[in-house]
Full PDB file with SEQRES, HELIX, SHEET, SSBOND, CRYST1, ORIGX, SCALE, CONECT and MASTER records, all heavy atoms in Angstrom:
SEQRES   1 A   42  ALA ASN LYS MET GLU LEU ALA ALA SER LYS VAL ILE GLY          
SEQRES   2 A   42  VAL ALA ASN ALA SER VAL ASN PHE MET LEU LEU LYS MET          
SEQRES   3 A   42  LYS VAL GLU PHE GLU ASP GLY ALA ASP GLU LYS ALA VAL          
SEQRES   4 A   42  MET LYS GLU                                                  
HELIX    1 AA1 ASN A    2  SER A    9  1                                   8    
HELIX    2 AA2 GLU A   36  LYS A   41  1                                   6    
SHEET    1 AA1 2 VAL A  14  ASN A  20  0                                        
SHEET    2 AA1 2 LYS A  25  PHE A  30 -1                                        
CRYST1    1.000    1.000    1.000  90.00  90.00  90.00 P 1           1          
ORIGX1      1.000000  0.000000  0.000000        0.00000                         
ORIGX2      0.000000  1.000000  0.000000        0.00000                         
ORIGX3      0.000000  0.000000  1.000000        0.00000                         
SCALE1      1.000000  0.000000  0.000000        0.00000                         
SCALE2      0.000000  1.000000  0.000000        0.00000                         
SCALE3      0.000000  0.000000  1.000000        0.00000                         
ATOM      1  N   ALA A   1    -151.061 -91.084 175.371  1.00  0.00           N  
ATOM      2  CA  ALA A   1    -150.489 -92.427 175.272  1.00  0.00           C  
ATOM      3  C   ALA A   1    -149.605 -92.531 174.033  1.00  0.00           C  
ATOM      4  O   ALA A   1    -148.511 -93.107 174.079  1.00  0.00           O  
ATOM      5  CB  ALA A   1    -151.595 -93.466 175.241  1.00  0.00           C  
ATOM      6  N   ASN A   2    -150.056 -91.962 172.931  1.00  0.00           N  
ATOM      7  CA  ASN A   2    -149.268 -91.965 171.704  1.00  0.00           C  
ATOM      8  C   ASN A   2    -147.974 -91.178 171.886  1.00  0.00           C  
ATOM      9  O   ASN A   2    -146.906 -91.609 171.451  1.00  0.00           O  
ATOM     10  CB  ASN A   2    -150.087 -91.385 170.548  1.00  0.00           C  
ATOM     11  CG  ASN A   2    -149.388 -91.517 169.227  1.00  0.00           C  
ATOM     12  OD1 ASN A   2    -148.821 -92.556 168.917  1.00  0.00           O  
ATOM     13  ND2 ASN A   2    -149.415 -90.454 168.437  1.00  0.00           N  
ATOM     14  N   LYS A   3    -148.059 -90.038 172.551  1.00  0.00           N  
ATOM     15  CA  LYS A   3    -146.867 -89.230 172.817  1.00  0.00           C  
ATOM     16  C   LYS A   3    -145.896 -89.976 173.736  1.00  0.00           C  
ATOM     17  O   LYS A   3    -144.678 -89.883 173.566  1.00  0.00           O  
ATOM     18  CB  LYS A   3    -147.248 -87.892 173.428  1.00  0.00           C  
ATOM     19  CG  LYS A   3    -147.919 -86.959 172.452  1.00  0.00           C  
ATOM     20  CD  LYS A   3    -148.303 -85.649 173.120  1.00  0.00           C  
ATOM     21  CE  LYS A   3    -149.006 -84.701 172.171  1.00  0.00           C  
ATOM     22  NZ  LYS A   3    -149.390 -83.443 172.833  1.00  0.00           N  
ATOM     23  N   MET A   4    -146.435 -90.710 174.708  1.00  0.00           N  
ATOM     24  CA  MET A   4    -145.593 -91.517 175.596  1.00  0.00           C  
ATOM     25  C   MET A   4    -144.846 -92.577 174.796  1.00  0.00           C  
ATOM     26  O   MET A   4    -143.656 -92.815 175.021  1.00  0.00           O  
ATOM     27  CB  MET A   4    -146.432 -92.199 176.682  1.00  0.00           C  
ATOM     28  CG  MET A   4    -146.925 -91.278 177.759  1.00  0.00           C  
ATOM     29  SD  MET A   4    -148.042 -92.093 178.916  1.00  0.00           S  
ATOM     30  CE  MET A   4    -146.988 -93.313 179.667  1.00  0.00           C  
ATOM     31  N   GLU A   5    -145.547 -93.225 173.876  1.00  0.00           N  
ATOM     32  CA  GLU A   5    -144.938 -94.253 173.043  1.00  0.00           C  
ATOM     33  C   GLU A   5    -143.783 -93.673 172.230  1.00  0.00           C  
ATOM     34  O   GLU A   5    -142.701 -94.261 172.183  1.00  0.00           O  
ATOM     35  CB  GLU A   5    -145.986 -94.860 172.124  1.00  0.00           C  
ATOM     36  CG  GLU A   5    -145.458 -95.932 171.192  1.00  0.00           C  
ATOM     37  CD  GLU A   5    -146.561 -96.546 170.366  1.00  0.00           C  
ATOM     38  OE1 GLU A   5    -147.423 -97.226 170.939  1.00  0.00           O  
ATOM     39  OE2 GLU A   5    -146.556 -96.328 169.141  1.00  0.00           O  
ATOM     40  N   LEU A   6    -144.008 -92.534 171.607  1.00  0.00           N  
ATOM     41  CA  LEU A   6    -142.962 -91.890 170.804  1.00  0.00           C  
ATOM     42  C   LEU A   6    -141.760 -91.493 171.663  1.00  0.00           C  
ATOM     43  O   LEU A   6    -140.606 -91.703 171.276  1.00  0.00           O  
ATOM     44  CB  LEU A   6    -143.522 -90.669 170.082  1.00  0.00           C  
ATOM     45  CG  LEU A   6    -144.541 -90.952 168.981  1.00  0.00           C  
ATOM     46  CD1 LEU A   6    -145.146 -89.645 168.476  1.00  0.00           C  
ATOM     47  CD2 LEU A   6    -143.910 -91.723 167.843  1.00  0.00           C  
ATOM     48  N   ALA A   7    -142.032 -90.923 172.828  1.00  0.00           N  
ATOM     49  CA  ALA A   7    -140.948 -90.498 173.716  1.00  0.00           C  
ATOM     50  C   ALA A   7    -140.143 -91.690 174.215  1.00  0.00           C  
ATOM     51  O   ALA A   7    -138.910 -91.652 174.236  1.00  0.00           O  
ATOM     52  CB  ALA A   7    -141.520 -89.711 174.888  1.00  0.00           C  
ATOM     53  N   ALA A   8    -140.831 -92.758 174.615  1.00  0.00           N  
ATOM     54  CA  ALA A   8    -140.156 -93.951 175.131  1.00  0.00           C  
ATOM     55  C   ALA A   8    -139.305 -94.604 174.047  1.00  0.00           C  
ATOM     56  O   ALA A   8    -138.212 -95.113 174.323  1.00  0.00           O  
ATOM     57  CB  ALA A   8    -141.174 -94.943 175.678  1.00  0.00           C  
ATOM     58  N   SER A   9    -139.777 -94.582 172.808  1.00  0.00           N  
ATOM     59  CA  SER A   9    -139.046 -95.195 171.694  1.00  0.00           C  
ATOM     60  C   SER A   9    -137.709 -94.515 171.432  1.00  0.00           C  
ATOM     61  O   SER A   9    -136.800 -95.127 170.889  1.00  0.00           O  
ATOM     62  CB  SER A   9    -139.884 -95.143 170.420  1.00  0.00           C  
ATOM     63  OG  SER A   9    -141.039 -95.925 170.556  1.00  0.00           O  
ATOM     64  N   LYS A  10    -137.586 -93.246 171.827  1.00  0.00           N  
ATOM     65  CA  LYS A  10    -136.364 -92.483 171.573  1.00  0.00           C  
ATOM     66  C   LYS A  10    -135.312 -92.634 172.672  1.00  0.00           C  
ATOM     67  O   LYS A  10    -134.194 -92.165 172.524  1.00  0.00           O  
ATOM     68  CB  LYS A  10    -136.708 -91.005 171.393  1.00  0.00           C  
ATOM     69  CG  LYS A  10    -137.527 -90.753 170.146  1.00  0.00           C  
ATOM     70  CD  LYS A  10    -137.887 -89.298 170.011  1.00  0.00           C  
ATOM     71  CE  LYS A  10    -138.768 -89.063 168.785  1.00  0.00           C  
ATOM     72  NZ  LYS A  10    -139.146 -87.652 168.658  1.00  0.00           N  
ATOM     73  N   VAL A  11    -135.668 -93.277 173.777  1.00  0.00           N  
ATOM     74  CA  VAL A  11    -134.732 -93.446 174.895  1.00  0.00           C  
ATOM     75  C   VAL A  11    -133.630 -94.431 174.499  1.00  0.00           C  
ATOM     76  O   VAL A  11    -133.908 -95.486 173.916  1.00  0.00           O  
ATOM     77  CB  VAL A  11    -135.469 -93.937 176.161  1.00  0.00           C  
ATOM     78  CG1 VAL A  11    -134.494 -94.303 177.259  1.00  0.00           C  
ATOM     79  CG2 VAL A  11    -136.441 -92.876 176.640  1.00  0.00           C  
ATOM     80  N   ILE A  12    -132.397 -94.071 174.811  1.00  0.00           N  
ATOM     81  CA  ILE A  12    -131.259 -94.953 174.526  1.00  0.00           C  
ATOM     82  C   ILE A  12    -131.425 -96.240 175.343  1.00  0.00           C  
ATOM     83  O   ILE A  12    -131.672 -96.195 176.548  1.00  0.00           O  
ATOM     84  CB  ILE A  12    -129.935 -94.263 174.866  1.00  0.00           C  
ATOM     85  CG1 ILE A  12    -129.731 -93.062 173.950  1.00  0.00           C  
ATOM     86  CG2 ILE A  12    -128.756 -95.233 174.762  1.00  0.00           C  
ATOM     87  CD1 ILE A  12    -128.561 -92.183 174.308  1.00  0.00           C  
ATOM     88  N   GLY A  13    -131.311 -97.373 174.664  1.00  0.00           N  
ATOM     89  CA  GLY A  13    -131.483 -98.673 175.303  1.00  0.00           C  
ATOM     90  C   GLY A  13    -132.813 -99.320 174.968  1.00  0.00           C  
ATOM     91  O   GLY A  13    -133.028-100.492 175.228  1.00  0.00           O  
ATOM     92  N   VAL A  14    -133.733 -98.543 174.368  1.00  0.00           N  
ATOM     93  CA  VAL A  14    -135.036 -99.074 173.961  1.00  0.00           C  
ATOM     94  C   VAL A  14    -134.985 -99.386 172.471  1.00  0.00           C  
ATOM     95  O   VAL A  14    -134.732 -98.509 171.650  1.00  0.00           O  
ATOM     96  CB  VAL A  14    -136.172 -98.064 174.241  1.00  0.00           C  
ATOM     97  CG1 VAL A  14    -137.497 -98.572 173.696  1.00  0.00           C  
ATOM     98  CG2 VAL A  14    -136.283 -97.792 175.732  1.00  0.00           C  
ATOM     99  N   ALA A  15    -135.213-100.655 172.130  1.00  0.00           N  
ATOM    100  CA  ALA A  15    -135.262-101.061 170.726  1.00  0.00           C  
ATOM    101  C   ALA A  15    -136.634-100.751 170.143  1.00  0.00           C  
ATOM    102  O   ALA A  15    -136.747-100.335 168.998  1.00  0.00           O  
ATOM    103  CB  ALA A  15    -134.944-102.544 170.586  1.00  0.00           C  
ATOM    104  N   ASN A  16    -137.674-100.950 170.955  1.00  0.00           N  
ATOM    105  CA  ASN A  16    -139.039-100.702 170.506  1.00  0.00           C  
ATOM    106  C   ASN A  16    -139.932-100.499 171.728  1.00  0.00           C  
ATOM    107  O   ASN A  16    -139.754-101.156 172.748  1.00  0.00           O  
ATOM    108  CB  ASN A  16    -139.547-101.889 169.680  1.00  0.00           C  
ATOM    109  CG  ASN A  16    -140.890-101.619 169.045  1.00  0.00           C  
ATOM    110  OD1 ASN A  16    -141.234-100.484 168.762  1.00  0.00           O  
ATOM    111  ND2 ASN A  16    -141.660-102.671 168.840  1.00  0.00           N  
ATOM    112  N   ALA A  17    -140.889 -99.592 171.598  1.00  0.00           N  
ATOM    113  CA  ALA A  17    -141.868 -99.369 172.669  1.00  0.00           C  
ATOM    114  C   ALA A  17    -143.242 -99.231 172.028  1.00  0.00           C  
ATOM    115  O   ALA A  17    -143.377 -98.599 170.987  1.00  0.00           O  
ATOM    116  CB  ALA A  17    -141.530 -98.123 173.467  1.00  0.00           C  
ATOM    117  N   SER A  18    -144.242 -99.844 172.653  1.00  0.00           N  
ATOM    118  CA  SER A  18    -145.611 -99.684 172.163  1.00  0.00           C  
ATOM    119  C   SER A  18    -146.540 -99.552 173.362  1.00  0.00           C  
ATOM    120  O   SER A  18    -146.360-100.215 174.383  1.00  0.00           O  
ATOM    121  CB  SER A  18    -146.023-100.857 171.277  1.00  0.00           C  
ATOM    122  OG  SER A  18    -146.049-102.054 172.007  1.00  0.00           O  
ATOM    123  N   VAL A  19    -147.526 -98.669 173.213  1.00  0.00           N  
ATOM    124  CA  VAL A  19    -148.482 -98.399 174.278  1.00  0.00           C  
ATOM    125  C   VAL A  19    -149.866 -98.802 173.820  1.00  0.00           C  
ATOM    126  O   VAL A  19    -150.282 -98.459 172.714  1.00  0.00           O  
ATOM    127  CB  VAL A  19    -148.465 -96.908 174.675  1.00  0.00           C  
ATOM    128  CG1 VAL A  19    -149.587 -96.587 175.650  1.00  0.00           C  
ATOM    129  CG2 VAL A  19    -147.123 -96.530 175.276  1.00  0.00           C  
ATOM    130  N   ASN A  20    -150.571 -99.538 174.658  1.00  0.00           N  
ATOM    131  CA  ASN A  20    -151.964 -99.881 174.397  1.00  0.00           C  
ATOM    132  C   ASN A  20    -152.804 -99.075 175.383  1.00  0.00           C  
ATOM    133  O   ASN A  20    -152.843 -99.392 176.578  1.00  0.00           O  
ATOM    134  CB  ASN A  20    -152.190-101.382 174.572  1.00  0.00           C  
ATOM    135  CG  ASN A  20    -153.588-101.789 174.188  1.00  0.00           C  
ATOM    136  OD1 ASN A  20    -154.567-101.119 174.506  1.00  0.00           O  
ATOM    137  ND2 ASN A  20    -153.687-102.920 173.502  1.00  0.00           N  
ATOM    138  N   PHE A  21    -153.451 -98.028 174.881  1.00  0.00           N  
ATOM    139  CA  PHE A  21    -154.233 -97.145 175.740  1.00  0.00           C  
ATOM    140  C   PHE A  21    -155.406 -97.871 176.383  1.00  0.00           C  
ATOM    141  O   PHE A  21    -155.713 -97.652 177.556  1.00  0.00           O  
ATOM    142  CB  PHE A  21    -154.726 -95.937 174.941  1.00  0.00           C  
ATOM    143  CG  PHE A  21    -155.645 -95.035 175.721  1.00  0.00           C  
ATOM    144  CD1 PHE A  21    -155.174 -94.316 176.800  1.00  0.00           C  
ATOM    145  CD2 PHE A  21    -156.981 -94.926 175.379  1.00  0.00           C  
ATOM    146  CE1 PHE A  21    -156.019 -93.488 177.531  1.00  0.00           C  
ATOM    147  CE2 PHE A  21    -157.832 -94.104 176.103  1.00  0.00           C  
ATOM    148  CZ  PHE A  21    -157.349 -93.382 177.182  1.00  0.00           C  
ATOM    149  N   MET A  22    -156.067 -98.730 175.641  1.00  0.00           N  
ATOM    150  CA  MET A  22    -157.246 -99.425 176.169  1.00  0.00           C  
ATOM    151  C   MET A  22    -156.891-100.355 177.338  1.00  0.00           C  
ATOM    152  O   MET A  22    -157.653-100.477 178.288  1.00  0.00           O  
ATOM    153  CB  MET A  22    -157.944-100.221 175.062  1.00  0.00           C  
ATOM    154  CG  MET A  22    -158.502 -99.332 173.959  1.00  0.00           C  
ATOM    155  SD  MET A  22    -159.698 -98.119 174.543  1.00  0.00           S  
ATOM    156  CE  MET A  22    -161.054 -99.183 174.973  1.00  0.00           C  
ATOM    157  N   LEU A  23    -155.749-101.009 177.256  1.00  0.00           N  
ATOM    158  CA  LEU A  23    -155.316-101.921 178.316  1.00  0.00           C  
ATOM    159  C   LEU A  23    -154.440-101.240 179.366  1.00  0.00           C  
ATOM    160  O   LEU A  23    -154.121-101.852 180.392  1.00  0.00           O  
ATOM    161  CB  LEU A  23    -154.550-103.106 177.718  1.00  0.00           C  
ATOM    162  CG  LEU A  23    -155.341-104.009 176.785  1.00  0.00           C  
ATOM    163  CD1 LEU A  23    -154.425-105.092 176.209  1.00  0.00           C  
ATOM    164  CD2 LEU A  23    -156.525-104.639 177.498  1.00  0.00           C  
ATOM    165  N   LEU A  24    -154.028 -99.985 179.080  1.00  0.00           N  
ATOM    166  CA  LEU A  24    -153.115 -99.239 179.956  1.00  0.00           C  
ATOM    167  C   LEU A  24    -151.834-100.034 180.221  1.00  0.00           C  
ATOM    168  O   LEU A  24    -151.409-100.243 181.355  1.00  0.00           O  
ATOM    169  CB  LEU A  24    -153.806 -98.844 181.266  1.00  0.00           C  
ATOM    170  CG  LEU A  24    -154.942 -97.842 181.120  1.00  0.00           C  
ATOM    171  CD1 LEU A  24    -155.607 -97.590 182.462  1.00  0.00           C  
ATOM    172  CD2 LEU A  24    -154.447 -96.527 180.523  1.00  0.00           C  
ATOM    173  N   LYS A  25    -151.220-100.459 179.109  1.00  0.00           N  
ATOM    174  CA  LYS A  25    -149.974-101.229 179.174  1.00  0.00           C  
ATOM    175  C   LYS A  25    -148.962-100.661 178.187  1.00  0.00           C  
ATOM    176  O   LYS A  25    -149.321-100.169 177.119  1.00  0.00           O  
ATOM    177  CB  LYS A  25    -150.225-102.691 178.796  1.00  0.00           C  
ATOM    178  CG  LYS A  25    -151.251-103.387 179.642  1.00  0.00           C  
ATOM    179  CD  LYS A  25    -150.620-104.317 180.588  1.00  0.00           C  
ATOM    180  CE  LYS A  25    -151.724-105.057 181.345  1.00  0.00           C  
ATOM    181  NZ  LYS A  25    -151.312-105.482 182.605  1.00  0.00           N  
ATOM    182  N   MET A  26    -147.700-100.740 178.580  1.00  0.00           N  
ATOM    183  CA  MET A  26    -146.595-100.368 177.696  1.00  0.00           C  
ATOM    184  C   MET A  26    -145.682-101.577 177.565  1.00  0.00           C  
ATOM    185  O   MET A  26    -145.234-102.132 178.571  1.00  0.00           O  
ATOM    186  CB  MET A  26    -145.796 -99.196 178.266  1.00  0.00           C  
ATOM    187  CG  MET A  26    -144.577 -98.832 177.432  1.00  0.00           C  
ATOM    188  SD  MET A  26    -143.530 -97.563 178.180  1.00  0.00           S  
ATOM    189  CE  MET A  26    -144.510 -96.113 177.866  1.00  0.00           C  
ATOM    190  N   LYS A  27    -145.420-101.975 176.324  1.00  0.00           N  
ATOM    191  CA  LYS A  27    -144.475-103.050 176.054  1.00  0.00           C  
ATOM    192  C   LYS A  27    -143.171-102.418 175.607  1.00  0.00           C  
ATOM    193  O   LYS A  27    -143.165-101.570 174.716  1.00  0.00           O  
ATOM    194  CB  LYS A  27    -144.998-103.985 174.960  1.00  0.00           C  
ATOM    195  CG  LYS A  27    -146.166-104.823 175.402  1.00  0.00           C  
ATOM    196  CD  LYS A  27    -146.573-105.792 174.329  1.00  0.00           C  
ATOM    197  CE  LYS A  27    -147.773-106.599 174.808  1.00  0.00           C  
ATOM    198  NZ  LYS A  27    -148.222-107.541 173.785  1.00  0.00           N  
ATOM    199  N   VAL A  28    -142.090-102.827 176.244  1.00  0.00           N  
ATOM    200  CA  VAL A  28    -140.771-102.282 175.930  1.00  0.00           C  
ATOM    201  C   VAL A  28    -139.845-103.429 175.556  1.00  0.00           C  
ATOM    202  O   VAL A  28    -139.738-104.405 176.289  1.00  0.00           O  
ATOM    203  CB  VAL A  28    -140.184-101.504 177.133  1.00  0.00           C  
ATOM    204  CG1 VAL A  28    -138.797-100.972 176.805  1.00  0.00           C  
ATOM    205  CG2 VAL A  28    -141.111-100.374 177.547  1.00  0.00           C  
ATOM    206  N   GLU A  29    -139.206-103.278 174.399  1.00  0.00           N  
ATOM    207  CA  GLU A  29    -138.177-104.220 173.980  1.00  0.00           C  
ATOM    208  C   GLU A  29    -136.838-103.514 174.150  1.00  0.00           C  
ATOM    209  O   GLU A  29    -136.626-102.428 173.595  1.00  0.00           O  
ATOM    210  CB  GLU A  29    -138.375-104.634 172.527  1.00  0.00           C  
ATOM    211  CG  GLU A  29    -137.365-105.644 172.055  1.00  0.00           C  
ATOM    212  CD  GLU A  29    -137.598-106.079 170.613  1.00  0.00           C  
ATOM    213  OE1 GLU A  29    -138.622-105.701 170.027  1.00  0.00           O  
ATOM    214  OE2 GLU A  29    -136.728-106.778 170.092  1.00  0.00           O  
ATOM    215  N   PHE A  30    -135.970-104.111 174.934  1.00  0.00           N  
ATOM    216  CA  PHE A  30    -134.677-103.503 175.246  1.00  0.00           C  
ATOM    217  C   PHE A  30    -133.613-103.926 174.240  1.00  0.00           C  
ATOM    218  O   PHE A  30    -133.652-105.052 173.726  1.00  0.00           O  
ATOM    219  CB  PHE A  30    -134.226-103.898 176.657  1.00  0.00           C  
ATOM    220  CG  PHE A  30    -135.161-103.446 177.731  1.00  0.00           C  
ATOM    221  CD1 PHE A  30    -136.142-104.284 178.224  1.00  0.00           C  
ATOM    222  CD2 PHE A  30    -135.076-102.167 178.241  1.00  0.00           C  
ATOM    223  CE1 PHE A  30    -137.018-103.860 179.210  1.00  0.00           C  
ATOM    224  CE2 PHE A  30    -135.946-101.731 179.231  1.00  0.00           C  
ATOM    225  CZ  PHE A  30    -136.915-102.590 179.713  1.00  0.00           C  
ATOM    226  N   GLU A  31    -132.667-103.028 173.975  1.00  0.00           N  
ATOM    227  CA  GLU A  31    -131.521-103.362 173.143  1.00  0.00           C  
ATOM    228  C   GLU A  31    -130.637-104.337 173.911  1.00  0.00           C  
ATOM    229  O   GLU A  31    -130.639-104.358 175.144  1.00  0.00           O  
ATOM    230  CB  GLU A  31    -130.735-102.099 172.789  1.00  0.00           C  
ATOM    231  CG  GLU A  31    -131.501-101.153 171.901  1.00  0.00           C  
ATOM    232  CD  GLU A  31    -130.759 -99.859 171.621  1.00  0.00           C  
ATOM    233  OE1 GLU A  31    -129.689 -99.623 172.220  1.00  0.00           O  
ATOM    234  OE2 GLU A  31    -131.262 -99.077 170.800  1.00  0.00           O  
ATOM    235  N   ASP A  32    -129.868-105.140 173.180  1.00  0.00           N  
ATOM    236  CA  ASP A  32    -128.962-106.093 173.810  1.00  0.00           C  
ATOM    237  C   ASP A  32    -127.974-105.373 174.714  1.00  0.00           C  
ATOM    238  O   ASP A  32    -127.380-104.366 174.323  1.00  0.00           O  
ATOM    239  CB  ASP A  32    -128.197-106.890 172.755  1.00  0.00           C  
ATOM    240  CG  ASP A  32    -129.096-107.832 171.968  1.00  0.00           C  
ATOM    241  OD1 ASP A  32    -130.153-108.218 172.489  1.00  0.00           O  
ATOM    242  OD2 ASP A  32    -128.724-108.182 170.825  1.00  0.00           O  
ATOM    243  N   GLY A  33    -127.822-105.870 175.928  1.00  0.00           N  
ATOM    244  CA  GLY A  33    -126.871-105.314 176.880  1.00  0.00           C  
ATOM    245  C   GLY A  33    -127.354-104.087 177.634  1.00  0.00           C  
ATOM    246  O   GLY A  33    -126.615-103.536 178.440  1.00  0.00           O  
ATOM    247  N   ALA A  34    -128.580-103.656 177.384  1.00  0.00           N  
ATOM    248  CA  ALA A  34    -129.109-102.461 178.066  1.00  0.00           C  
ATOM    249  C   ALA A  34    -129.437-102.793 179.522  1.00  0.00           C  
ATOM    250  O   ALA A  34    -129.905-103.881 179.832  1.00  0.00           O  
ATOM    251  CB  ALA A  34    -130.356-101.950 177.355  1.00  0.00           C  
ATOM    252  N   ASP A  35    -129.172-101.848 180.401  1.00  0.00           N  
ATOM    253  CA  ASP A  35    -129.518-101.979 181.815  1.00  0.00           C  
ATOM    254  C   ASP A  35    -131.002-101.630 181.971  1.00  0.00           C  
ATOM    255  O   ASP A  35    -131.389-100.461 181.900  1.00  0.00           O  
ATOM    256  CB  ASP A  35    -128.658-101.044 182.649  1.00  0.00           C  
ATOM    257  CG  ASP A  35    -128.978-101.094 184.140  1.00  0.00           C  
ATOM    258  OD1 ASP A  35    -129.799-101.932 184.568  1.00  0.00           O  
ATOM    259  OD2 ASP A  35    -128.400-100.272 184.875  1.00  0.00           O  
ATOM    260  N   GLU A  36    -131.820-102.638 182.164  1.00  0.00           N  
ATOM    261  CA  GLU A  36    -133.278-102.475 182.194  1.00  0.00           C  
ATOM    262  C   GLU A  36    -133.737-101.424 183.195  1.00  0.00           C  
ATOM    263  O   GLU A  36    -134.560-100.563 182.867  1.00  0.00           O  
ATOM    264  CB  GLU A  36    -133.923-103.826 182.519  1.00  0.00           C  
ATOM    265  CG  GLU A  36    -135.401-103.773 182.716  1.00  0.00           C  
ATOM    266  CD  GLU A  36    -135.950-105.056 183.314  1.00  0.00           C  
ATOM    267  OE1 GLU A  36    -135.353-106.122 183.135  1.00  0.00           O  
ATOM    268  OE2 GLU A  36    -136.986-104.968 183.994  1.00  0.00           O  
ATOM    269  N   LYS A  37    -133.206-101.452 184.393  1.00  0.00           N  
ATOM    270  CA  LYS A  37    -133.639-100.504 185.429  1.00  0.00           C  
ATOM    271  C   LYS A  37    -133.282 -99.070 185.066  1.00  0.00           C  
ATOM    272  O   LYS A  37    -134.094 -98.167 185.227  1.00  0.00           O  
ATOM    273  CB  LYS A  37    -133.041-100.891 186.779  1.00  0.00           C  
ATOM    274  CG  LYS A  37    -133.649-102.145 187.358  1.00  0.00           C  
ATOM    275  CD  LYS A  37    -133.084-102.475 188.711  1.00  0.00           C  
ATOM    276  CE  LYS A  37    -133.708-103.762 189.225  1.00  0.00           C  
ATOM    277  NZ  LYS A  37    -133.249-104.077 190.560  1.00  0.00           N  
ATOM    278  N   ALA A  38    -132.077 -98.852 184.582  1.00  0.00           N  
ATOM    279  CA  ALA A  38    -131.650 -97.501 184.204  1.00  0.00           C  
ATOM    280  C   ALA A  38    -132.461 -96.989 183.015  1.00  0.00           C  
ATOM    281  O   ALA A  38    -132.877 -95.827 183.001  1.00  0.00           O  
ATOM    282  CB  ALA A  38    -130.159 -97.500 183.869  1.00  0.00           C  
ATOM    283  N   VAL A  39    -132.710 -97.856 182.050  1.00  0.00           N  
ATOM    284  CA  VAL A  39    -133.493 -97.466 180.873  1.00  0.00           C  
ATOM    285  C   VAL A  39    -134.913 -97.105 181.287  1.00  0.00           C  
ATOM    286  O   VAL A  39    -135.465 -96.088 180.853  1.00  0.00           O  
ATOM    287  CB  VAL A  39    -133.495 -98.594 179.810  1.00  0.00           C  
ATOM    288  CG1 VAL A  39    -134.488 -98.301 178.699  1.00  0.00           C  
ATOM    289  CG2 VAL A  39    -132.100 -98.792 179.230  1.00  0.00           C  
ATOM    290  N   MET A  40    -135.518 -97.898 182.149  1.00  0.00           N  
ATOM    291  CA  MET A  40    -136.900 -97.635 182.552  1.00  0.00           C  
ATOM    292  C   MET A  40    -137.021 -96.374 183.401  1.00  0.00           C  
ATOM    293  O   MET A  40    -138.041 -95.691 183.345  1.00  0.00           O  
ATOM    294  CB  MET A  40    -137.500 -98.839 183.273  1.00  0.00           C  
ATOM    295  CG  MET A  40    -137.851 -99.982 182.333  1.00  0.00           C  
ATOM    296  SD  MET A  40    -138.842 -99.493 180.898  1.00  0.00           S  
ATOM    297  CE  MET A  40    -140.339 -98.910 181.657  1.00  0.00           C  
ATOM    298  N   LYS A  41    -135.995 -96.037 184.161  1.00  0.00           N  
ATOM    299  CA  LYS A  41    -136.014 -94.770 184.896  1.00  0.00           C  
ATOM    300  C   LYS A  41    -136.070 -93.603 183.914  1.00  0.00           C  
ATOM    301  O   LYS A  41    -136.791 -92.633 184.129  1.00  0.00           O  
ATOM    302  CB  LYS A  41    -134.782 -94.640 185.798  1.00  0.00           C  
ATOM    303  CG  LYS A  41    -134.885 -95.438 187.063  1.00  0.00           C  
ATOM    304  CD  LYS A  41    -133.693 -95.213 187.952  1.00  0.00           C  
ATOM    305  CE  LYS A  41    -133.783 -96.050 189.194  1.00  0.00           C  
ATOM    306  NZ  LYS A  41    -132.630 -95.841 190.068  1.00  0.00           N  
ATOM    307  N   GLU A  42    -135.316 -93.709 182.827  1.00  0.00           N  
ATOM    308  CA  GLU A  42    -135.321 -92.659 181.811  1.00  0.00           C  
ATOM    309  C   GLU A  42    -136.650 -92.639 181.058  1.00  0.00           C  
ATOM    310  O   GLU A  42    -137.179 -91.565 180.760  1.00  0.00           O  
ATOM    311  CB  GLU A  42    -134.151 -92.859 180.839  1.00  0.00           C  
ATOM    312  CG  GLU A  42    -133.962 -91.720 179.881  1.00  0.00           C  
ATOM    313  CD  GLU A  42    -133.612 -90.395 180.545  1.00  0.00           C  
ATOM    314  OE1 GLU A  42    -133.046 -90.390 181.652  1.00  0.00           O  
ATOM    315  OE2 GLU A  42    -133.922 -89.349 179.948  1.00  0.00           O  
TER     316      GLU A  42                                                      
MASTER        0    0    0    2    2    0    0    6  315    1    0    4          
END                                                                             
């Protein structure tokens, strides 16, 4: 989960990513103007 968080944070279009292993949730904050669907595919 920690490795996923680090990898997701490096994707272009992601301003911030955080993973909560206990809740099995990932919160993603997108950069302004980023295409959400394309970013999430990456």
